[in-house]
Protein backbone atom coordinates (compact mmCIF):
# COMPACT_ATOMS: atom_id res chain seq x y z
CA MET A 1 -0.01 0.00 0.00
CA ASP A 2 1.25 3.44 -0.78
CA ARG A 3 0.64 6.55 1.30
CA GLU A 4 -2.52 7.65 -0.52
CA GLU A 5 -4.16 4.21 -0.13
CA ILE A 6 -3.39 4.23 3.59
CA LEU A 7 -4.82 7.70 4.03
CA ALA A 8 -7.89 6.83 2.05
CA GLN A 9 -8.46 3.73 4.13
CA SER A 10 -7.94 5.76 7.35
CA ARG A 11 -10.45 8.32 6.26
CA LYS A 12 -12.95 5.60 5.42
CA ASP A 13 -12.40 3.90 8.75
CA ASN A 14 -12.73 7.16 10.72
CA ARG A 15 -15.53 8.67 8.67
CA PHE A 16 -17.72 9.45 11.68
CA GLN A 17 -15.15 10.18 14.44
CA ASP A 18 -11.46 10.63 14.47
CA GLU A 19 -9.23 9.35 17.27
CA ARG A 20 -9.19 12.77 19.03
CA ASP A 21 -13.01 12.81 19.17
CA CYS A 22 -13.08 9.31 20.59
CA ARG A 23 -10.52 10.19 23.25
CA ILE A 24 -12.45 13.28 24.24
CA ALA A 25 -15.68 11.27 24.49
CA ASP A 26 -13.84 8.72 26.72
CA GLN A 27 -12.51 11.47 28.98
CA ALA A 28 -15.89 13.12 29.15
CA SER A 29 -17.39 9.79 30.23
CA VAL A 30 -14.76 9.44 33.00
CA TRP A 31 -15.37 12.97 34.28
CA GLY A 32 -19.10 12.38 34.14
CA ALA A 33 -18.74 9.20 36.23
CA ILE A 34 -16.58 11.14 38.75
CA GLY A 35 -19.29 13.82 39.02
CA MET A 36 -22.07 11.24 39.33
CA GLY A 37 -20.08 9.43 42.02
CA ALA A 38 -19.49 12.62 43.99
CA VAL A 39 -23.18 13.58 43.90
CA LEU A 40 -24.18 9.97 44.72
CA PHE A 41 -21.86 9.98 47.70
CA ALA A 42 -23.13 13.33 48.95
CA VAL A 43 -26.78 12.24 48.67
CA PHE A 44 -25.85 8.95 50.41
CA LEU A 45 -24.32 10.81 53.34
CA ILE A 46 -27.23 13.27 53.58
CA ARG A 47 -29.81 10.50 53.48
CA TRP A 48 -28.03 8.33 55.97
CA PHE A 49 -26.97 10.89 58.55
CA LEU A 50 -29.49 13.73 58.26
CA HIS A 51 -32.65 11.93 57.29
CA ASP A 52 -31.88 8.66 59.02
CA ASP A 53 -32.99 6.76 55.97
CA ASP A 54 -31.56 3.58 54.43
CA PRO A 55 -29.66 4.35 51.26
CA TYR A 56 -30.10 0.89 49.62
CA ASP A 57 -31.20 2.37 46.32
CA LEU A 58 -28.14 4.62 46.10
CA LEU A 59 -25.85 1.74 46.92
CA ALA A 60 -27.50 -0.34 44.14
CA ILE A 61 -27.01 2.50 41.64
CA GLY A 62 -23.31 2.85 42.57
CA PHE A 63 -22.58 -0.83 42.42
CA GLY A 64 -24.59 -1.16 39.21
CA TYR A 65 -22.41 1.48 37.62
CA LEU A 66 -19.27 -0.40 38.82
CA ALA A 67 -20.58 -3.65 37.47
CA ALA A 68 -21.32 -2.16 34.02
CA ALA A 69 -17.96 -0.39 33.83
CA ASN A 70 -16.06 -3.57 34.70
CA ALA A 71 -18.19 -5.64 32.35
CA TYR A 72 -17.15 -3.30 29.57
CA ARG A 73 -13.56 -3.44 30.64
CA TRP A 74 -13.68 -7.31 30.63
CA ASN A 75 -15.35 -7.28 27.23
CA THR A 76 -12.59 -5.21 25.83
CA THR A 77 -9.58 -6.65 27.60
CA LYS A 78 -10.72 -10.19 28.62
CA THR A 79 -8.87 -9.96 31.90
CA THR A 80 -10.03 -12.25 34.70
CA ALA A 81 -9.80 -9.51 37.33
CA ALA A 82 -12.25 -7.31 35.42
CA LEU A 83 -14.69 -10.23 35.06
CA LEU A 84 -14.49 -11.07 38.77
CA VAL A 85 -15.03 -7.44 39.80
CA ALA A 86 -17.95 -7.12 37.35
CA VAL A 87 -19.64 -10.24 38.74
CA LEU A 88 -18.98 -9.25 42.33
CA CYS A 89 -20.39 -5.73 41.84
CA ALA A 90 -23.39 -7.11 40.01
CA VAL A 91 -24.16 -9.48 42.88
CA ILE A 92 -23.74 -6.69 45.42
CA ALA A 93 -25.98 -4.35 43.36
CA LEU A 94 -28.66 -7.05 43.18
CA GLY A 95 -28.38 -7.55 46.93
CA TRP A 96 -28.86 -3.79 47.59
CA LEU A 97 -31.82 -3.88 45.19
CA TRP A 98 -33.30 -6.72 47.12
CA PHE A 99 -32.96 -4.79 50.36
CA TYR A 100 -34.49 -1.71 48.73
CA ALA A 101 -37.45 -3.73 47.42
CA ILE A 102 -38.28 -5.43 50.74
CA GLU A 103 -37.62 -2.28 52.78
CA GLY A 104 -39.81 0.03 50.65
């Protein structure tokens, strides 16, 4: 392949997004998760300490996010650690959902 064929193939492969746009989207997702986690933690503390309420639903949301993130990581990397963390977080999330369902 010559230079022009490689460039044409690259343009065809990256027709909708280039590598920079993908990287920016990935970083935006990480910062969004950090923001969501911070708000989730703040609401958790407020609900638990100020309102004396069980935060089972918030715990289920947090662990559900961790399960999905690690499931994606496992799907991409196929590492055993990511799979184990994904399964563990999913089980914990389901447990918190169970407590939320029977408590509510």
